[in-house]
């Protein structure tokens, strides 16, 4: 299954962003449970983060991202890319 990467940057104050983090974590856990091999985390040096996951197509990946609580609440801007894994076994 294709691998996709959502690279995001927060656009609200941290205290507002932090209010939605638990919902985002639960969402990523639901993606893992559904077999999408999802991973999510943040950049150590500054705001923003990344989520890697599997999806059947770009349209499917866009739907996954659109359902993310951080995106639904308008707390982040993001880029979505299909990642062509060359070495290794994906996420």
Protein backbone atom coordinates (compact mmCIF):
# COMPACT_ATOMS: atom_id res chain seq x y z
CA UNK A 1 0.00 0.00 0.00
CA UNK A 2 1.35 3.51 -0.78
CA UNK A 3 2.90 5.53 2.04
CA UNK A 4 1.90 9.17 2.59
CA UNK A 5 3.44 11.92 4.70
CA UNK A 6 1.58 14.88 6.19
CA UNK A 7 4.04 17.62 7.19
CA UNK A 8 2.33 20.21 9.37
CA UNK A 9 2.87 23.49 11.14
CA UNK A 10 0.72 24.84 13.95
CA UNK A 11 -1.06 28.14 13.31
CA UNK A 12 -2.56 28.79 16.75
CA UNK A 13 -1.10 29.42 20.21
CA UNK A 14 0.35 26.31 21.87
CA UNK A 15 -2.28 26.29 24.62
CA UNK A 16 -5.03 26.10 21.96
CA UNK A 17 -3.17 23.44 19.99
CA UNK A 18 -2.53 21.34 23.10
CA UNK A 19 -6.28 21.15 23.74
CA UNK A 20 -6.69 18.94 20.66
CA UNK A 21 -3.58 16.76 21.01
CA UNK A 22 -5.32 13.90 22.86
CA UNK A 23 -8.00 13.68 20.15
CA UNK A 24 -5.26 13.59 17.50
CA UNK A 25 -3.44 10.81 19.36
CA UNK A 26 -6.64 8.77 19.61
CA UNK A 27 -7.19 9.32 15.88
CA UNK A 28 -3.69 8.07 15.03
CA UNK A 29 -4.26 5.05 17.29
CA UNK A 30 -7.44 4.31 15.32
CA UNK A 31 -5.43 4.48 12.08
CA UNK A 32 -2.92 2.01 13.53
CA UNK A 33 -5.74 -0.32 14.61
CA UNK A 34 -7.17 -0.22 11.08
CA UNK A 35 -3.85 -1.37 9.59
CA UNK A 36 -2.59 1.93 8.16
CA UNK A 37 0.82 1.64 9.93
CA UNK A 38 0.55 5.26 11.09
CA UNK A 39 3.20 7.19 13.00
CA UNK A 40 2.91 10.76 14.28
CA UNK A 41 5.25 13.11 16.10
CA UNK A 42 6.61 16.61 16.35
CA UNK A 43 9.87 18.37 15.58
CA UNK A 44 12.08 18.64 18.66
CA UNK A 45 13.65 21.97 17.66
CA UNK A 46 10.48 23.96 16.83
CA UNK A 47 6.74 23.83 16.21
CA UNK A 48 5.27 21.46 13.69
CA UNK A 49 5.35 17.76 13.05
CA UNK A 50 4.70 14.89 10.73
CA UNK A 51 2.40 11.93 10.31
CA UNK A 52 3.30 8.94 8.11
CA UNK A 53 0.62 6.44 7.16
CA UNK A 54 -0.52 4.04 4.47
CA UNK A 55 -3.49 4.75 2.21
CA UNK A 56 -4.87 3.11 -0.91
CA UNK A 57 -4.64 6.28 -3.03
CA UNK A 58 -4.08 10.02 -2.88
CA UNK A 59 -7.84 10.53 -2.47
CA UNK A 60 -7.86 8.07 0.43
CA UNK A 61 -4.87 9.86 2.01
CA UNK A 62 -6.63 13.22 1.64
CA UNK A 63 -9.66 11.78 3.44
CA UNK A 64 -7.43 10.49 6.26
CA UNK A 65 -5.85 13.92 6.69
CA UNK A 66 -9.20 15.74 6.47
CA UNK A 67 -10.50 13.61 9.37
CA UNK A 68 -7.53 14.44 11.63
CA UNK A 69 -8.81 16.50 14.60
CA UNK A 70 -5.91 18.96 14.22
CA UNK A 71 -6.94 19.64 10.61
CA UNK A 72 -10.68 19.65 11.32
CA UNK A 73 -10.18 22.27 14.04
CA UNK A 74 -8.05 24.45 11.74
CA UNK A 75 -5.04 24.26 14.06
CA UNK A 76 -2.45 23.36 11.42
CA UNK A 77 -1.49 24.00 7.85
CA UNK A 78 0.00 21.03 6.06
CA UNK A 79 1.50 19.50 2.97
CA UNK A 80 0.59 15.97 1.88
CA UNK A 81 3.04 13.88 -0.14
CA UNK A 82 3.18 10.31 -1.36
CA UNK A 83 6.50 8.91 -0.17
CA UNK A 84 8.18 6.38 -2.44
CA UNK A 85 10.17 4.18 -0.09
CA UNK A 86 13.45 3.14 -1.74
CA UNK A 87 15.19 1.35 1.11
CA UNK A 88 13.51 -0.19 4.15
CA UNK A 89 10.02 -1.40 4.80
CA UNK A 90 8.01 1.84 5.08
CA UNK A 91 6.65 3.48 8.19
